[in-house]
Amino acid sequence: MKKRDITKAILFVVVILLAVIGISYAYFTANISNSESATTLTVTGGTMTINYSGGTEINVSNVFPKPEAATTKTFTVTGTNTTAIAMNYKCTLVVTGNTFSSNALKYKMTSTNTDGNGTIIPAITIEQNIATGTNTLLLGNGSFAGPTGGAKIHTYALSIYFPSTVSSQNADQDKSFTAYIKTESVQ
């Protein structure tokens, strides 16, 4: 009987442990899965909302050299500030994969202060090189002056180019580029 009682006790402990681990796993999974939003930043006294046309990702593949942009990602940063303190932000291009030759791809960006509030990230009018592999490229800093008296908008269009060169670009056939724009609050 004692051996049977010990077996039952061990089995009972194992079942309780599995139940607790299962409940803990479900609890943490539920809490972690939706704990962050990539499109809204809340700052003391205000809110910034980021809207990316067609989602946050930038994908370039099956392109050929040409003077026009291979792709353009338009995004807006909307600021609502109720304080006299400026709401500052920065935008970066986070390249998660680039199998093109180093500097084969380039980027430019236009900037529009739609509502005339604050300071926009300066436009990038001269094509900038994108190295192969992964990296992070600072696009610049912007800010909303407060109080804004409602939502104010800064609009950006980031264009990725695969320009023609005088040498053969056949090595870049079937290559791909993936990235996203990261917008974050800064002090």
N, C-alpha and C. Protein backbone atom coordinates (compact mmCIF):
# COMPACT_ATOMS: atom_id res chain seq x y z
N MET A 1 0.81 -1.21 0.00
CA MET A 1 0.00 0.00 0.00
C MET A 1 0.85 1.26 0.00
N LYS A 2 1.93 1.25 0.74
CA LYS A 2 2.75 2.44 0.82
C LYS A 2 3.31 2.82 -0.55
N LYS A 3 3.75 1.82 -1.30
CA LYS A 3 4.30 2.09 -2.63
C LYS A 3 3.23 2.70 -3.53
N ARG A 4 2.02 2.23 -3.39
CA ARG A 4 0.90 2.73 -4.18
C ARG A 4 0.57 4.17 -3.77
N ASP A 5 0.61 4.49 -2.48
CA ASP A 5 0.36 5.86 -2.00
C ASP A 5 1.44 6.83 -2.48
N ILE A 6 2.67 6.36 -2.47
CA ILE A 6 3.78 7.21 -2.95
C ILE A 6 3.62 7.48 -4.44
N THR A 7 3.26 6.45 -5.20
CA THR A 7 3.03 6.62 -6.64
C THR A 7 1.90 7.61 -6.90
N LYS A 8 0.81 7.49 -6.13
CA LYS A 8 -0.31 8.43 -6.29
C LYS A 8 0.13 9.85 -5.95
N ALA A 9 0.90 9.99 -4.89
CA ALA A 9 1.37 11.32 -4.48
C ALA A 9 2.26 11.94 -5.55
N ILE A 10 3.17 11.15 -6.11
CA ILE A 10 4.05 11.64 -7.17
C ILE A 10 3.24 12.00 -8.40
N LEU A 11 2.31 11.15 -8.78
CA LEU A 11 1.44 11.43 -9.93
C LEU A 11 0.63 12.69 -9.71
N PHE A 12 0.11 12.88 -8.51
CA PHE A 12 -0.65 14.07 -8.16
C PHE A 12 0.21 15.33 -8.30
N VAL A 13 1.44 15.29 -7.81
CA VAL A 13 2.36 16.43 -7.91
C VAL A 13 2.68 16.74 -9.37
N VAL A 14 2.92 15.69 -10.17
CA VAL A 14 3.22 15.88 -11.59
C VAL A 14 2.04 16.52 -12.31
N VAL A 15 0.83 16.06 -12.04
CA VAL A 15 -0.37 16.63 -12.67
C VAL A 15 -0.53 18.09 -12.27
N ILE A 16 -0.34 18.40 -11.00
CA ILE A 16 -0.45 19.79 -10.53
C ILE A 16 0.60 20.66 -11.21
N LEU A 17 1.86 20.16 -11.28
CA LEU A 17 2.93 20.91 -11.94
C LEU A 17 2.60 21.18 -13.40
N LEU A 18 2.14 20.18 -14.13
CA LEU A 18 1.78 20.36 -15.53
C LEU A 18 0.65 21.36 -15.68
N ALA A 19 -0.32 21.31 -14.81
CA ALA A 19 -1.44 22.26 -14.88
C ALA A 19 -0.95 23.69 -14.63
N VAL A 20 -0.09 23.87 -13.61
CA VAL A 20 0.44 25.21 -13.30
C VAL A 20 1.28 25.72 -14.45
N ILE A 21 2.15 24.86 -15.01
CA ILE A 21 2.98 25.28 -16.14
C ILE A 21 2.11 25.63 -17.33
N GLY A 22 1.09 24.83 -17.62
CA GLY A 22 0.18 25.12 -18.74
C GLY A 22 -0.56 26.42 -18.54
N ILE A 23 -1.04 26.68 -17.34
CA ILE A 23 -1.75 27.93 -17.05
C ILE A 23 -0.78 29.11 -17.16
N SER A 24 0.43 28.96 -16.62
CA SER A 24 1.43 30.04 -16.70
C SER A 24 1.77 30.34 -18.15
N TYR A 25 1.97 29.28 -18.95
CA TYR A 25 2.30 29.49 -20.35
C TYR A 25 1.17 30.23 -21.06
N ALA A 26 -0.07 29.81 -20.83
CA ALA A 26 -1.21 30.47 -21.46
C ALA A 26 -1.31 31.92 -21.00
N TYR A 27 -1.04 32.18 -19.73
CA TYR A 27 -1.12 33.54 -19.20
C TYR A 27 -0.07 34.43 -19.87
N PHE A 28 1.18 33.98 -19.93
CA PHE A 28 2.23 34.80 -20.52
C PHE A 28 2.03 34.95 -22.02
N THR A 29 1.58 33.91 -22.70
CA THR A 29 1.33 34.01 -24.13
C THR A 29 0.25 35.06 -24.41
N ALA A 30 -0.82 35.04 -23.65
CA ALA A 30 -1.90 36.00 -23.86
C ALA A 30 -1.44 37.42 -23.58
N ASN A 31 -0.61 37.60 -22.57
CA ASN A 31 -0.16 38.94 -22.22
C ASN A 31 0.90 39.48 -23.16
N ILE A 32 1.75 38.63 -23.70
CA ILE A 32 2.84 39.09 -24.55
C ILE A 32 2.38 39.33 -25.98
N SER A 33 1.43 38.57 -26.48
CA SER A 33 1.08 38.62 -27.90
C SER A 33 0.59 39.97 -28.37
N ASN A 34 -0.10 40.73 -27.55
CA ASN A 34 -0.63 42.02 -28.00
C ASN A 34 -0.23 43.16 -27.09
N SER A 35 0.96 43.09 -26.52
CA SER A 35 1.33 44.10 -25.53
C SER A 35 1.92 45.36 -26.15
N GLU A 36 2.17 45.36 -27.46
CA GLU A 36 2.84 46.51 -28.04
C GLU A 36 2.22 46.84 -29.39
N SER A 37 2.11 48.12 -29.67
CA SER A 37 1.62 48.57 -30.96
C SER A 37 2.74 49.33 -31.66
N ALA A 38 3.06 48.94 -32.89
CA ALA A 38 4.14 49.59 -33.62
C ALA A 38 3.73 50.92 -34.22
N THR A 39 2.44 51.26 -34.15
CA THR A 39 2.00 52.45 -34.84
C THR A 39 1.56 53.58 -33.92
N THR A 40 1.63 53.41 -32.61
CA THR A 40 1.23 54.47 -31.69
C THR A 40 2.28 54.62 -30.61
N LEU A 41 2.69 55.86 -30.39
CA LEU A 41 3.63 56.18 -29.31
C LEU A 41 2.92 57.15 -28.38
N THR A 42 2.89 56.84 -27.10
CA THR A 42 2.29 57.74 -26.13
C THR A 42 3.39 58.41 -25.35
N VAL A 43 3.39 59.72 -25.35
CA VAL A 43 4.39 60.50 -24.65
C VAL A 43 3.64 61.36 -23.65
N THR A 44 4.29 61.76 -22.57
CA THR A 44 3.63 62.58 -21.57
C THR A 44 3.01 63.80 -22.25
N GLY A 45 1.72 63.98 -22.08
CA GLY A 45 1.02 65.13 -22.63
C GLY A 45 0.64 65.01 -24.09
N GLY A 46 0.88 63.86 -24.72
CA GLY A 46 0.52 63.78 -26.12
C GLY A 46 0.62 62.37 -26.68
N THR A 47 0.23 62.26 -27.95
CA THR A 47 0.24 60.98 -28.64
C THR A 47 0.75 61.19 -30.05
N MET A 48 1.59 60.26 -30.51
CA MET A 48 2.03 60.24 -31.90
C MET A 48 1.51 58.95 -32.52
N THR A 49 0.92 59.08 -33.69
CA THR A 49 0.43 57.92 -34.42
C THR A 49 1.17 57.85 -35.74
N ILE A 50 1.62 56.65 -36.10
CA ILE A 50 2.34 56.46 -37.34
C ILE A 50 1.48 55.59 -38.25
N ASN A 51 1.30 56.05 -39.49
CA ASN A 51 0.51 55.30 -40.46
C ASN A 51 1.40 55.02 -41.67
N TYR A 52 1.59 53.73 -41.98
CA TYR A 52 2.41 53.31 -43.11
C TYR A 52 1.49 52.84 -44.24
N SER A 53 1.65 53.39 -45.43
CA SER A 53 0.84 52.92 -46.56
C SER A 53 1.26 51.49 -46.89
N GLY A 54 0.31 50.60 -46.94
CA GLY A 54 0.60 49.21 -47.29
C GLY A 54 1.33 48.43 -46.22
N GLY A 55 1.30 48.88 -44.97
CA GLY A 55 1.98 48.16 -43.89
C GLY A 55 3.39 48.69 -43.66
N THR A 56 4.05 48.13 -42.67
CA THR A 56 5.36 48.65 -42.28
C THR A 56 6.50 48.14 -43.14
N GLU A 57 6.35 46.98 -43.76
CA GLU A 57 7.46 46.36 -44.48
C GLU A 57 7.70 46.96 -45.85
N ILE A 58 8.99 46.94 -46.24
CA ILE A 58 9.42 47.35 -47.58
C ILE A 58 10.10 46.15 -48.20
N ASN A 59 9.59 45.70 -49.33
CA ASN A 59 10.17 44.55 -50.03
C ASN A 59 10.49 44.93 -51.46
N VAL A 60 11.70 44.59 -51.89
CA VAL A 60 12.10 44.83 -53.27
C VAL A 60 12.68 43.54 -53.81
N SER A 61 12.11 43.06 -54.91
CA SER A 61 12.65 41.87 -55.59
C SER A 61 12.20 41.92 -57.03
N ASN A 62 12.86 41.14 -57.86
CA ASN A 62 12.53 41.08 -59.29
C ASN A 62 12.48 42.46 -59.93
N VAL A 63 13.47 43.28 -59.62
CA VAL A 63 13.54 44.61 -60.22
C VAL A 63 14.68 44.66 -61.21
N PHE A 64 14.62 45.64 -62.06
CA PHE A 64 15.68 45.85 -63.04
C PHE A 64 16.15 47.29 -62.93
N PRO A 65 17.38 47.56 -63.34
CA PRO A 65 17.90 48.93 -63.23
C PRO A 65 17.08 49.91 -64.05
N LYS A 66 16.71 51.02 -63.41
CA LYS A 66 15.94 52.07 -64.09
C LYS A 66 16.05 53.36 -63.28
N PRO A 67 15.77 54.50 -63.88
CA PRO A 67 15.89 55.77 -63.15
C PRO A 67 14.74 56.02 -62.15
N GLU A 68 13.60 55.35 -62.33
CA GLU A 68 12.47 55.52 -61.42
C GLU A 68 12.66 54.66 -60.18
N ALA A 69 11.93 55.00 -59.15
CA ALA A 69 12.00 54.24 -57.90
C ALA A 69 11.48 52.82 -58.11
N ALA A 70 12.16 51.86 -57.48
CA ALA A 70 11.69 50.47 -57.51
C ALA A 70 10.47 50.33 -56.61
N THR A 71 10.45 51.09 -55.52
CA THR A 71 9.31 51.10 -54.60
C THR A 71 9.34 52.38 -53.78
N THR A 72 8.18 52.82 -53.34
CA THR A 72 8.08 53.99 -52.48
C THR A 72 7.16 53.67 -51.31
N LYS A 73 7.62 53.97 -50.12
CA LYS A 73 6.84 53.77 -48.90
C LYS A 73 6.46 55.14 -48.36
N THR A 74 5.16 55.43 -48.33
CA THR A 74 4.67 56.69 -47.77
C THR A 74 4.22 56.43 -46.35
N PHE A 75 4.59 57.33 -45.45
CA PHE A 75 4.16 57.19 -44.06
C PHE A 75 3.93 58.56 -43.45
N THR A 76 3.01 58.61 -42.51
CA THR A 76 2.69 59.87 -41.83
C THR A 76 2.90 59.70 -40.33
N VAL A 77 3.40 60.76 -39.72
CA VAL A 77 3.52 60.82 -38.28
C VAL A 77 2.56 61.91 -37.84
N THR A 78 1.59 61.56 -37.02
CA THR A 78 0.58 62.50 -36.54
C THR A 78 0.82 62.76 -35.06
N GLY A 79 0.95 64.02 -34.69
CA GLY A 79 1.20 64.38 -33.31
C GLY A 79 0.08 65.20 -32.72
N THR A 80 -0.32 64.84 -31.52
CA THR A 80 -1.26 65.62 -30.74
C THR A 80 -0.58 65.91 -29.41
N ASN A 81 -0.29 67.17 -29.15
CA ASN A 81 0.48 67.56 -27.98
C ASN A 81 -0.30 68.59 -27.17
N THR A 82 -0.51 68.31 -25.90
CA THR A 82 -1.26 69.23 -25.04
C THR A 82 -0.35 70.05 -24.13
N THR A 83 0.96 69.87 -24.26
CA THR A 83 1.89 70.61 -23.41
C THR A 83 2.67 71.62 -24.23
N ALA A 84 3.47 72.45 -23.56
CA ALA A 84 4.33 73.42 -24.24
C ALA A 84 5.68 72.79 -24.60
N ILE A 85 5.88 71.54 -24.24
CA ILE A 85 7.13 70.84 -24.52
C ILE A 85 7.05 70.17 -25.88
N ALA A 86 8.11 70.29 -26.67
CA ALA A 86 8.14 69.67 -28.00
C ALA A 86 8.09 68.16 -27.90
N MET A 87 7.37 67.52 -28.82
CA MET A 87 7.33 66.06 -28.93
C MET A 87 8.31 65.68 -30.04
N ASN A 88 9.43 65.08 -29.66
CA ASN A 88 10.48 64.74 -30.61
C ASN A 88 10.39 63.27 -31.02
N TYR A 89 10.76 63.00 -32.26
CA TYR A 89 10.79 61.62 -32.75
C TYR A 89 11.92 61.45 -33.75
N LYS A 90 12.29 60.21 -33.99
CA LYS A 90 13.27 59.92 -35.03
C LYS A 90 12.79 58.74 -35.85
N CYS A 91 13.20 58.72 -37.10
CA CYS A 91 12.86 57.62 -38.00
C CYS A 91 14.14 56.99 -38.52
N THR A 92 14.14 55.67 -38.56
CA THR A 92 15.27 54.93 -39.11
C THR A 92 14.76 53.91 -40.11
N LEU A 93 15.60 53.62 -41.08
CA LEU A 93 15.32 52.54 -42.03
C LEU A 93 16.09 51.33 -41.52
N VAL A 94 15.37 50.31 -41.08
CA VAL A 94 15.99 49.10 -40.55
C VAL A 94 16.00 48.07 -41.68
N VAL A 95 17.18 47.79 -42.20
CA VAL A 95 17.33 46.83 -43.28
C VAL A 95 17.52 45.45 -42.65
N THR A 96 16.54 44.58 -42.87
CA THR A 96 16.59 43.23 -42.29
C THR A 96 17.22 42.22 -43.23
N GLY A 97 17.36 42.58 -44.49
CA GLY A 97 18.02 41.70 -45.46
C GLY A 97 18.24 42.43 -46.77
N ASN A 98 19.46 42.34 -47.30
CA ASN A 98 19.77 42.95 -48.59
C ASN A 98 20.80 42.07 -49.28
N THR A 99 20.37 41.32 -50.28
CA THR A 99 21.28 40.45 -51.01
C THR A 99 21.81 41.11 -52.29
N PHE A 100 21.38 42.34 -52.58
CA PHE A 100 21.94 43.09 -53.70
C PHE A 100 23.39 43.41 -53.41
N SER A 101 24.16 43.69 -54.45
CA SER A 101 25.54 44.12 -54.26
C SER A 101 25.56 45.37 -53.39
N SER A 102 26.65 45.55 -52.67
CA SER A 102 26.76 46.73 -51.80
C SER A 102 26.63 47.99 -52.63
N ASN A 103 25.77 48.89 -52.19
CA ASN A 103 25.51 50.19 -52.81
C ASN A 103 24.80 50.10 -54.17
N ALA A 104 24.29 48.92 -54.54
CA ALA A 104 23.51 48.82 -55.78
C ALA A 104 22.16 49.51 -55.60
N LEU A 105 21.61 49.44 -54.37
CA LEU A 105 20.36 50.13 -54.07
C LEU A 105 20.65 51.46 -53.42
N LYS A 106 19.77 52.42 -53.65
CA LYS A 106 19.90 53.76 -53.10
C LYS A 106 18.53 54.19 -52.57
N TYR A 107 18.53 55.25 -51.75
CA TYR A 107 17.26 55.78 -51.27
C TYR A 107 17.27 57.30 -51.24
N LYS A 108 16.06 57.86 -51.36
CA LYS A 108 15.81 59.30 -51.21
C LYS A 108 14.50 59.42 -50.43
N MET A 109 14.26 60.59 -49.85
CA MET A 109 13.02 60.78 -49.09
C MET A 109 12.53 62.22 -49.25
N THR A 110 11.22 62.34 -49.47
CA THR A 110 10.60 63.67 -49.47
C THR A 110 9.92 63.87 -48.12
N SER A 111 9.80 65.12 -47.72
CA SER A 111 9.20 65.46 -46.42
C SER A 111 8.22 66.60 -46.61
N THR A 112 7.06 66.50 -45.97
CA THR A 112 6.04 67.54 -46.07
C THR A 112 5.48 67.83 -44.69
N ASN A 113 5.54 69.09 -44.28
CA ASN A 113 4.94 69.51 -43.02
C ASN A 113 3.50 69.91 -43.34
N THR A 114 2.63 68.93 -43.40
CA THR A 114 1.26 69.09 -43.87
C THR A 114 0.51 70.19 -43.14
N ASP A 115 0.66 70.27 -41.82
CA ASP A 115 -0.08 71.25 -41.03
C ASP A 115 0.77 72.42 -40.54
N GLY A 116 2.03 72.51 -40.98
CA GLY A 116 2.87 73.64 -40.61
C GLY A 116 3.25 73.68 -39.14
N ASN A 117 3.22 72.55 -38.46
CA ASN A 117 3.57 72.52 -37.04
C ASN A 117 4.90 71.81 -36.84
N GLY A 118 5.75 72.37 -36.00
CA GLY A 118 6.99 71.70 -35.62
C GLY A 118 8.01 71.65 -36.73
N THR A 119 8.91 70.66 -36.61
CA THR A 119 10.00 70.50 -37.55
C THR A 119 9.94 69.11 -38.15
N ILE A 120 9.96 69.04 -39.47
CA ILE A 120 9.96 67.74 -40.14
C ILE A 120 11.39 67.24 -40.31
N ILE A 121 11.52 65.96 -40.57
CA ILE A 121 12.82 65.40 -40.93
C ILE A 121 13.19 66.01 -42.28
N PRO A 122 14.40 66.56 -42.40
CA PRO A 122 14.77 67.15 -43.69
C PRO A 122 14.70 66.13 -44.83
N ALA A 123 14.29 66.60 -45.98
CA ALA A 123 14.22 65.74 -47.16
C ALA A 123 15.63 65.26 -47.51
N ILE A 124 15.70 64.07 -48.05
CA ILE A 124 16.96 63.50 -48.53
C ILE A 124 16.87 63.52 -50.04
N THR A 125 17.49 64.51 -50.66
CA THR A 125 17.32 64.73 -52.09
C THR A 125 18.42 64.10 -52.94
N ILE A 126 19.54 63.76 -52.33
CA ILE A 126 20.63 63.10 -53.04
C ILE A 126 20.58 61.62 -52.67
N GLU A 127 20.62 60.75 -53.69
CA GLU A 127 20.55 59.32 -53.45
C GLU A 127 21.63 58.87 -52.47
N GLN A 128 21.20 58.11 -51.46
CA GLN A 128 22.10 57.57 -50.44
C GLN A 128 22.28 56.07 -50.67
N ASN A 129 23.49 55.58 -50.49
CA ASN A 129 23.79 54.15 -50.70
C ASN A 129 23.22 53.28 -49.59
N ILE A 130 22.84 52.06 -49.98
CA ILE A 130 22.41 51.05 -49.02
C ILE A 130 23.39 49.88 -49.13
N ALA A 131 24.11 49.61 -48.06
CA ALA A 131 25.08 48.52 -48.06
C ALA A 131 24.37 47.18 -48.08
N THR A 132 25.06 46.15 -48.51
CA THR A 132 24.50 44.80 -48.51
C THR A 132 24.39 44.29 -47.07
N GLY A 133 23.56 43.29 -46.87
CA GLY A 133 23.39 42.72 -45.53
C GLY A 133 22.33 43.44 -44.73
N THR A 134 22.52 43.48 -43.41
CA THR A 134 21.58 44.14 -42.51
C THR A 134 22.24 45.37 -41.91
N ASN A 135 21.46 46.41 -41.72
CA ASN A 135 21.95 47.62 -41.06
C ASN A 135 20.80 48.55 -40.73
N THR A 136 21.12 49.60 -40.01
CA THR A 136 20.12 50.60 -39.63
C THR A 136 20.61 51.96 -40.10
N LEU A 137 19.76 52.66 -40.84
CA LEU A 137 20.11 53.96 -41.40
C LEU A 137 19.21 55.03 -40.81
N LEU A 138 19.81 56.02 -40.17
CA LEU A 138 19.03 57.12 -39.59
C LEU A 138 18.50 58.00 -40.72
N LEU A 139 17.18 58.16 -40.76
CA LEU A 139 16.57 59.05 -41.74
C LEU A 139 16.55 60.48 -41.22
N GLY A 140 16.40 60.64 -39.90
CA GLY A 140 16.44 61.96 -39.30
C GLY A 140 15.50 62.11 -38.13
N ASN A 141 15.50 63.33 -37.57
CA ASN A 141 14.68 63.66 -36.41
C ASN A 141 13.65 64.72 -36.77
N GLY A 142 12.48 64.62 -36.18
CA GLY A 142 11.42 65.59 -36.35
C GLY A 142 10.80 65.90 -35.00
N SER A 143 9.92 66.89 -34.97
CA SER A 143 9.24 67.22 -33.71
C SER A 143 7.94 67.96 -33.97
N PHE A 144 7.07 67.88 -32.99
CA PHE A 144 5.83 68.65 -32.99
C PHE A 144 5.94 69.68 -31.88
N ALA A 145 5.66 70.95 -32.20
CA ALA A 145 5.68 72.01 -31.20
C ALA A 145 4.36 71.98 -30.46
N GLY A 146 4.42 72.21 -29.17
CA GLY A 146 3.19 72.14 -28.38
C GLY A 146 2.79 73.48 -27.82
N PRO A 147 1.57 73.61 -27.46
CA PRO A 147 0.49 72.65 -27.75
C PRO A 147 0.10 72.71 -29.22
N THR A 148 -0.31 71.58 -29.76
CA THR A 148 -0.62 71.51 -31.18
C THR A 148 -2.03 71.99 -31.52
N GLY A 149 -2.92 72.01 -30.53
CA GLY A 149 -4.29 72.41 -30.83
C GLY A 149 -4.99 71.40 -31.71
N GLY A 150 -4.70 70.13 -31.50
CA GLY A 150 -5.28 69.05 -32.30
C GLY A 150 -4.19 68.28 -33.00
N ALA A 151 -4.60 67.33 -33.83
CA ALA A 151 -3.64 66.47 -34.53
C ALA A 151 -2.95 67.23 -35.65
N LYS A 152 -1.63 67.12 -35.72
CA LYS A 152 -0.83 67.73 -36.78
C LYS A 152 -0.07 66.63 -37.49
N ILE A 153 0.16 66.79 -38.79
CA ILE A 153 0.68 65.70 -39.61
C ILE A 153 1.99 66.07 -40.30
N HIS A 154 2.95 65.14 -40.24
CA HIS A 154 4.18 65.20 -41.03
C HIS A 154 4.13 63.99 -41.97
N THR A 155 4.31 64.23 -43.27
CA THR A 155 4.21 63.17 -44.27
C THR A 155 5.56 62.96 -44.94
N TYR A 156 5.91 61.68 -45.13
CA TYR A 156 7.19 61.31 -45.73
C TYR A 156 6.97 60.27 -46.82
N ALA A 157 7.82 60.31 -47.85
CA ALA A 157 7.81 59.28 -48.89
C ALA A 157 9.25 58.83 -49.10
N LEU A 158 9.54 57.59 -48.69
CA LEU A 158 10.87 57.02 -48.83
C LEU A 158 10.88 56.17 -50.10
N SER A 159 11.79 56.49 -51.01
CA SER A 159 11.88 55.77 -52.29
C SER A 159 13.19 54.99 -52.36
N ILE A 160 13.08 53.74 -52.81
CA ILE A 160 14.24 52.87 -53.00
C ILE A 160 14.48 52.76 -54.50
N TYR A 161 15.73 52.96 -54.92
CA TYR A 161 16.11 52.94 -56.33
C TYR A 161 17.11 51.83 -56.62
N PHE A 162 17.03 51.31 -57.85
CA PHE A 162 18.05 50.41 -58.38
C PHE A 162 18.49 51.04 -59.70
N PRO A 163 19.37 52.07 -59.59
CA PRO A 163 19.73 52.84 -60.79
C PRO A 163 20.66 52.08 -61.74
N SER A 164 20.57 52.44 -63.00
CA SER A 164 21.45 51.86 -64.02
C SER A 164 22.86 52.41 -63.85
N THR A 165 23.83 51.55 -64.12
CA THR A 165 25.23 51.97 -64.11
C THR A 165 25.84 51.63 -65.46
N VAL A 166 27.07 52.05 -65.67
CA VAL A 166 27.73 51.75 -66.95
C VAL A 166 28.25 50.32 -67.01
N SER A 167 28.37 49.66 -65.87
CA SER A 167 28.86 48.28 -65.86
C SER A 167 27.68 47.31 -65.78
N SER A 168 27.97 46.04 -66.04
CA SER A 168 26.95 45.00 -66.00
C SER A 168 26.38 44.85 -64.58
N GLN A 169 25.07 44.73 -64.49
CA GLN A 169 24.40 44.54 -63.21
C GLN A 169 23.72 43.18 -63.12
N ASN A 170 24.16 42.25 -63.96
CA ASN A 170 23.58 40.91 -63.98
C ASN A 170 23.76 40.17 -62.66
N ALA A 171 24.80 40.50 -61.91
CA ALA A 171 25.03 39.84 -60.63
C ALA A 171 23.89 40.09 -59.65
N ASP A 172 23.09 41.13 -59.87
CA ASP A 172 22.00 41.47 -58.96
C ASP A 172 20.64 40.93 -59.42
N GLN A 173 20.64 40.04 -60.40
CA GLN A 173 19.39 39.39 -60.78
C GLN A 173 18.96 38.45 -59.66
N ASP A 174 17.67 38.37 -59.45
CA ASP A 174 17.08 37.49 -58.42
C ASP A 174 17.52 37.82 -57.01
N LYS A 175 17.90 39.05 -56.74
CA LYS A 175 18.29 39.48 -55.40
C LYS A 175 17.06 40.08 -54.72
N SER A 176 17.14 40.24 -53.39
CA SER A 176 15.99 40.78 -52.66
C SER A 176 16.45 41.77 -51.59
N PHE A 177 15.51 42.61 -51.19
CA PHE A 177 15.75 43.63 -50.17
C PHE A 177 14.52 43.68 -49.29
N THR A 178 14.70 43.58 -47.97
CA THR A 178 13.59 43.72 -47.03
C THR A 178 14.00 44.68 -45.92
N ALA A 179 13.07 45.52 -45.53
CA ALA A 179 13.35 46.53 -44.51
C ALA A 179 12.03 47.01 -43.93
N TYR A 180 12.13 47.85 -42.90
CA TYR A 180 10.96 48.55 -42.37
C TYR A 180 11.42 49.88 -41.80
N ILE A 181 10.47 50.78 -41.64
CA ILE A 181 10.75 52.10 -41.08
C ILE A 181 10.36 52.05 -39.61
N LYS A 182 11.30 52.43 -38.76
CA LYS A 182 11.06 52.44 -37.32
C LYS A 182 10.96 53.89 -36.87
N THR A 183 9.86 54.23 -36.23
CA THR A 183 9.64 55.58 -35.69
C THR A 183 9.54 55.47 -34.19
N GLU A 184 10.33 56.28 -33.49
CA GLU A 184 10.33 56.22 -32.03
C GLU A 184 10.47 57.59 -31.42
N SER A 185 9.96 57.72 -30.23
CA SER A 185 10.03 58.97 -29.47
C SER A 185 11.44 59.15 -28.95
N VAL A 186 11.94 60.38 -28.98
CA VAL A 186 13.25 60.70 -28.42
C VAL A 186 13.10 61.96 -27.57
N GLN A 187 14.03 62.12 -26.62
CA GLN A 187 13.98 63.30 -25.76
C GLN A 187 14.91 64.37 -26.23
